[in-house]
């Protein structure tokens, strides 16, 4: 189930990056890259699980929660990158005033 949650996040972040006019400003390409990297890692994990145990998708409440936790971590990393780059200059102006 967590594979499906991360896959939807990757698809939607890629669509947002492709459609948005401000995708460079808000680093949506980084969010898409993080999401697709996670999809590849989770796919490899599920593929190994299928080879060893014969189960590709784990459908449970724990797997769903894990998917949302992974999505939240990816969003936090993207948000930290966005705050560090400060595309609107909100942090730089406050620091210069002090």
N, C-alpha and C. Protein backbone atom coordinates (compact mmCIF):
# COMPACT_ATOMS: atom_id res chain seq x y z
N UNK A 1 0.82 -1.19 0.00
CA UNK A 1 0.00 0.00 0.00
C UNK A 1 0.86 1.26 0.00
N UNK A 2 2.00 1.19 0.65
CA UNK A 2 2.86 2.37 0.69
C UNK A 2 3.45 2.66 -0.67
N UNK A 3 3.60 1.63 -1.50
CA UNK A 3 4.05 1.83 -2.87
C UNK A 3 3.05 2.67 -3.65
N UNK A 4 1.78 2.41 -3.46
CA UNK A 4 0.73 3.14 -4.15
C UNK A 4 0.68 4.60 -3.70
N UNK A 5 0.82 4.84 -2.40
CA UNK A 5 0.79 6.21 -1.87
C UNK A 5 1.95 7.02 -2.45
N UNK A 6 3.14 6.45 -2.44
CA UNK A 6 4.31 7.15 -2.95
C UNK A 6 4.22 7.33 -4.47
N UNK A 7 3.66 6.34 -5.16
CA UNK A 7 3.49 6.46 -6.61
C UNK A 7 2.55 7.61 -6.96
N UNK A 8 1.44 7.74 -6.22
CA UNK A 8 0.54 8.87 -6.46
C UNK A 8 1.23 10.20 -6.18
N UNK A 9 2.03 10.25 -5.12
CA UNK A 9 2.76 11.48 -4.82
C UNK A 9 3.72 11.83 -5.95
N UNK A 10 4.40 10.83 -6.48
CA UNK A 10 5.34 11.07 -7.58
C UNK A 10 4.62 11.56 -8.83
N UNK A 11 3.49 10.97 -9.13
CA UNK A 11 2.73 11.37 -10.31
C UNK A 11 2.22 12.80 -10.16
N UNK A 12 1.65 13.12 -9.01
CA UNK A 12 1.10 14.46 -8.81
C UNK A 12 2.21 15.53 -8.73
N UNK A 13 3.34 15.20 -8.12
CA UNK A 13 4.42 16.19 -8.07
C UNK A 13 5.01 16.41 -9.46
N UNK A 14 5.07 15.37 -10.28
CA UNK A 14 5.55 15.53 -11.65
C UNK A 14 4.59 16.37 -12.47
N UNK A 15 3.29 16.13 -12.31
CA UNK A 15 2.30 16.95 -13.01
C UNK A 15 2.36 18.40 -12.56
N UNK A 16 2.53 18.63 -11.27
CA UNK A 16 2.64 20.00 -10.76
C UNK A 16 3.88 20.68 -11.31
N UNK A 17 4.99 19.95 -11.38
CA UNK A 17 6.22 20.50 -11.94
C UNK A 17 6.04 20.84 -13.42
N UNK A 18 5.37 19.98 -14.15
CA UNK A 18 5.21 20.17 -15.59
C UNK A 18 4.23 21.29 -15.92
N UNK A 19 3.17 21.42 -15.13
CA UNK A 19 2.11 22.38 -15.42
C UNK A 19 2.40 23.77 -14.85
N UNK A 20 3.01 23.84 -13.69
CA UNK A 20 3.17 25.10 -12.97
C UNK A 20 4.13 26.06 -13.67
N UNK A 21 3.77 27.33 -13.67
CA UNK A 21 4.64 28.37 -14.20
C UNK A 21 5.78 28.70 -13.24
N UNK A 22 5.57 28.46 -11.96
CA UNK A 22 6.57 28.78 -10.94
C UNK A 22 7.30 27.55 -10.45
N UNK A 23 7.41 26.53 -11.29
CA UNK A 23 8.03 25.28 -10.84
C UNK A 23 9.51 25.47 -10.51
N UNK A 24 10.22 26.35 -11.22
CA UNK A 24 11.62 26.60 -10.90
C UNK A 24 11.76 27.33 -9.58
N UNK A 25 10.86 28.27 -9.35
CA UNK A 25 10.92 29.07 -8.12
C UNK A 25 10.68 28.21 -6.89
N UNK A 26 9.74 27.28 -6.98
CA UNK A 26 9.39 26.46 -5.83
C UNK A 26 10.03 25.08 -5.84
N UNK A 27 10.98 24.87 -6.72
CA UNK A 27 11.75 23.63 -6.78
C UNK A 27 10.87 22.38 -6.85
N UNK A 28 9.85 22.42 -7.68
CA UNK A 28 8.98 21.25 -7.82
C UNK A 28 9.70 20.09 -8.49
N UNK A 29 10.75 20.40 -9.25
CA UNK A 29 11.53 19.32 -9.86
C UNK A 29 12.23 18.49 -8.78
N UNK A 30 12.66 19.14 -7.71
CA UNK A 30 13.29 18.42 -6.60
C UNK A 30 12.29 17.50 -5.91
N UNK A 31 11.08 17.99 -5.71
CA UNK A 31 10.04 17.15 -5.10
C UNK A 31 9.73 15.95 -5.99
N UNK A 32 9.64 16.18 -7.29
CA UNK A 32 9.39 15.07 -8.21
C UNK A 32 10.55 14.07 -8.19
N UNK A 33 11.78 14.58 -8.13
CA UNK A 33 12.95 13.71 -8.09
C UNK A 33 12.98 12.87 -6.81
N UNK A 34 12.70 13.50 -5.69
CA UNK A 34 12.64 12.77 -4.42
C UNK A 34 11.56 11.69 -4.48
N UNK A 35 10.41 12.05 -5.03
CA UNK A 35 9.29 11.11 -5.11
C UNK A 35 9.60 9.93 -6.00
N UNK A 36 10.16 10.19 -7.18
CA UNK A 36 10.47 9.09 -8.10
C UNK A 36 11.61 8.22 -7.57
N UNK A 37 12.56 8.82 -6.88
CA UNK A 37 13.62 8.02 -6.26
C UNK A 37 13.06 7.08 -5.20
N UNK A 38 12.10 7.59 -4.44
CA UNK A 38 11.44 6.76 -3.42
C UNK A 38 10.64 5.65 -4.08
N UNK A 39 9.95 5.96 -5.19
CA UNK A 39 9.18 4.94 -5.90
C UNK A 39 10.10 3.81 -6.38
N UNK A 40 11.26 4.17 -6.91
CA UNK A 40 12.20 3.15 -7.40
C UNK A 40 12.69 2.28 -6.24
N UNK A 41 13.02 2.91 -5.11
CA UNK A 41 13.49 2.13 -3.96
C UNK A 41 12.40 1.21 -3.41
N UNK A 42 11.17 1.73 -3.32
CA UNK A 42 10.06 0.93 -2.80
C UNK A 42 9.72 -0.20 -3.76
N UNK A 43 9.80 0.07 -5.08
CA UNK A 43 9.55 -0.97 -6.06
C UNK A 43 10.56 -2.10 -5.91
N UNK A 44 11.83 -1.74 -5.74
CA UNK A 44 12.86 -2.77 -5.54
C UNK A 44 12.60 -3.57 -4.27
N UNK A 45 12.17 -2.91 -3.22
CA UNK A 45 11.84 -3.59 -1.97
C UNK A 45 10.67 -4.55 -2.16
N UNK A 46 9.64 -4.10 -2.86
CA UNK A 46 8.48 -4.97 -3.09
C UNK A 46 8.83 -6.12 -4.02
N UNK A 47 9.68 -5.87 -4.99
CA UNK A 47 10.10 -6.93 -5.90
C UNK A 47 10.87 -8.01 -5.15
N UNK A 48 11.75 -7.61 -4.24
CA UNK A 48 12.47 -8.60 -3.43
C UNK A 48 11.52 -9.36 -2.51
N UNK A 49 10.53 -8.64 -1.97
CA UNK A 49 9.53 -9.31 -1.14
C UNK A 49 8.72 -10.33 -1.94
N UNK A 50 8.45 -9.99 -3.19
CA UNK A 50 7.71 -10.92 -4.05
C UNK A 50 8.54 -12.15 -4.38
N UNK A 51 9.82 -11.93 -4.63
CA UNK A 51 10.69 -13.06 -4.95
C UNK A 51 10.85 -13.98 -3.74
N UNK A 52 10.97 -13.40 -2.55
CA UNK A 52 11.18 -14.21 -1.35
C UNK A 52 9.90 -14.81 -0.79
N UNK A 53 8.82 -13.99 -0.70
CA UNK A 53 7.61 -14.43 -0.02
C UNK A 53 6.40 -14.62 -0.94
N UNK A 54 6.46 -14.14 -2.16
CA UNK A 54 5.35 -14.28 -3.08
C UNK A 54 4.27 -13.21 -2.93
N UNK A 55 4.56 -12.17 -2.17
CA UNK A 55 3.59 -11.09 -1.96
C UNK A 55 4.21 -9.79 -2.46
N UNK A 56 3.54 -9.13 -3.45
CA UNK A 56 4.08 -7.89 -4.00
C UNK A 56 3.58 -6.68 -3.23
N UNK A 57 2.29 -6.58 -3.01
CA UNK A 57 1.72 -5.45 -2.29
C UNK A 57 1.23 -5.88 -0.92
N UNK A 58 1.62 -5.12 0.08
CA UNK A 58 1.12 -5.36 1.43
C UNK A 58 -0.04 -4.40 1.67
N UNK A 59 -1.21 -4.94 1.85
CA UNK A 59 -2.40 -4.11 2.06
C UNK A 59 -2.81 -4.24 3.52
N UNK A 60 -2.47 -3.20 4.28
CA UNK A 60 -2.83 -3.15 5.69
C UNK A 60 -2.84 -1.70 6.14
N UNK A 61 -3.36 -1.48 7.33
CA UNK A 61 -3.39 -0.12 7.87
C UNK A 61 -1.97 0.36 8.16
N UNK A 62 -1.11 -0.53 8.62
CA UNK A 62 0.28 -0.15 8.90
C UNK A 62 1.01 0.28 7.62
N UNK A 63 0.75 -0.43 6.53
CA UNK A 63 1.38 -0.07 5.26
C UNK A 63 0.87 1.27 4.76
N UNK A 64 -0.40 1.56 4.97
CA UNK A 64 -0.96 2.85 4.57
C UNK A 64 -0.34 3.98 5.40
N UNK A 65 -0.22 3.77 6.69
CA UNK A 65 0.39 4.77 7.56
C UNK A 65 1.85 5.00 7.17
N UNK A 66 2.57 3.93 6.85
CA UNK A 66 3.96 4.04 6.42
C UNK A 66 4.06 4.86 5.13
N UNK A 67 3.11 4.67 4.22
CA UNK A 67 3.10 5.45 2.98
C UNK A 67 2.94 6.93 3.25
N UNK A 68 2.04 7.28 4.16
CA UNK A 68 1.84 8.68 4.48
C UNK A 68 3.03 9.27 5.24
N UNK A 69 3.68 8.47 6.07
CA UNK A 69 4.87 8.93 6.78
C UNK A 69 6.01 9.19 5.78
N UNK A 70 6.18 8.30 4.82
CA UNK A 70 7.21 8.51 3.79
C UNK A 70 6.91 9.75 2.96
N UNK A 71 5.64 9.97 2.63
CA UNK A 71 5.26 11.16 1.88
C UNK A 71 5.54 12.42 2.71
N UNK A 72 5.25 12.36 4.00
CA UNK A 72 5.50 13.51 4.87
C UNK A 72 6.99 13.81 4.99
N UNK A 73 7.81 12.78 5.07
CA UNK A 73 9.26 12.98 5.15
C UNK A 73 9.78 13.61 3.85
N UNK A 74 9.29 13.13 2.71
CA UNK A 74 9.69 13.71 1.43
C UNK A 74 9.27 15.17 1.34
N UNK A 75 8.07 15.48 1.82
CA UNK A 75 7.61 16.87 1.80
C UNK A 75 8.42 17.74 2.76
N UNK A 76 8.83 17.19 3.89
CA UNK A 76 9.66 17.95 4.83
C UNK A 76 11.05 18.24 4.25
N UNK A 77 11.62 17.29 3.56
CA UNK A 77 12.91 17.51 2.91
C UNK A 77 12.79 18.59 1.84
N UNK A 78 11.72 18.52 1.05
CA UNK A 78 11.47 19.53 0.02
C UNK A 78 11.24 20.90 0.65
N UNK A 79 10.49 20.93 1.73
CA UNK A 79 10.22 22.20 2.42
C UNK A 79 11.50 22.79 3.00
N UNK A 80 12.36 21.96 3.57
CA UNK A 80 13.64 22.44 4.11
C UNK A 80 14.49 23.02 2.99
N UNK A 81 14.51 22.36 1.85
CA UNK A 81 15.25 22.87 0.71
C UNK A 81 14.69 24.20 0.23
N UNK A 82 13.38 24.32 0.27
CA UNK A 82 12.72 25.56 -0.15
C UNK A 82 13.04 26.69 0.82
N UNK A 83 13.03 26.41 2.10
CA UNK A 83 13.35 27.44 3.11
C UNK A 83 14.81 27.88 2.99
N UNK A 84 15.70 26.93 2.76
CA UNK A 84 17.12 27.26 2.63
C UNK A 84 17.38 28.12 1.39
N UNK A 85 16.72 27.78 0.28
CA UNK A 85 16.94 28.57 -0.94
C UNK A 85 16.22 29.91 -0.90
N UNK A 86 15.16 30.03 -0.12
CA UNK A 86 14.43 31.28 0.10
C UNK A 86 14.07 31.99 -1.21
N UNK A 87 13.16 31.40 -2.01
CA UNK A 87 12.88 31.95 -3.33
C UNK A 87 12.25 33.34 -3.32
N UNK A 88 11.55 33.71 -2.27
CA UNK A 88 10.92 35.02 -2.22
C UNK A 88 11.72 36.04 -1.42
N UNK A 89 12.84 35.62 -0.86
CA UNK A 89 13.71 36.54 -0.13
C UNK A 89 13.15 36.99 1.21
N UNK A 90 12.28 36.22 1.81
CA UNK A 90 11.68 36.59 3.10
C UNK A 90 12.69 36.52 4.24
N UNK A 91 13.57 35.53 4.24
CA UNK A 91 14.51 35.35 5.34
C UNK A 91 15.71 36.29 5.20
N UNK A 92 16.15 36.54 3.98
CA UNK A 92 17.31 37.40 3.77
C UNK A 92 17.01 38.83 4.19
N UNK A 93 15.82 39.32 3.90
CA UNK A 93 15.51 40.71 4.26
C UNK A 93 15.43 40.87 5.76
N UNK A 94 14.90 39.89 6.47
CA UNK A 94 14.83 39.98 7.93
C UNK A 94 16.21 39.90 8.55
N UNK A 95 17.08 39.07 8.00
CA UNK A 95 18.42 38.93 8.54
C UNK A 95 19.24 40.18 8.28
N UNK A 96 19.01 40.85 7.18
CA UNK A 96 19.76 42.07 6.87
C UNK A 96 19.34 43.23 7.74
N UNK A 97 18.08 43.22 8.20
CA UNK A 97 17.60 44.29 9.07
C UNK A 97 18.18 44.20 10.47
N UNK A 98 18.54 43.02 10.92
CA UNK A 98 19.04 42.84 12.29
C UNK A 98 20.44 43.34 12.45
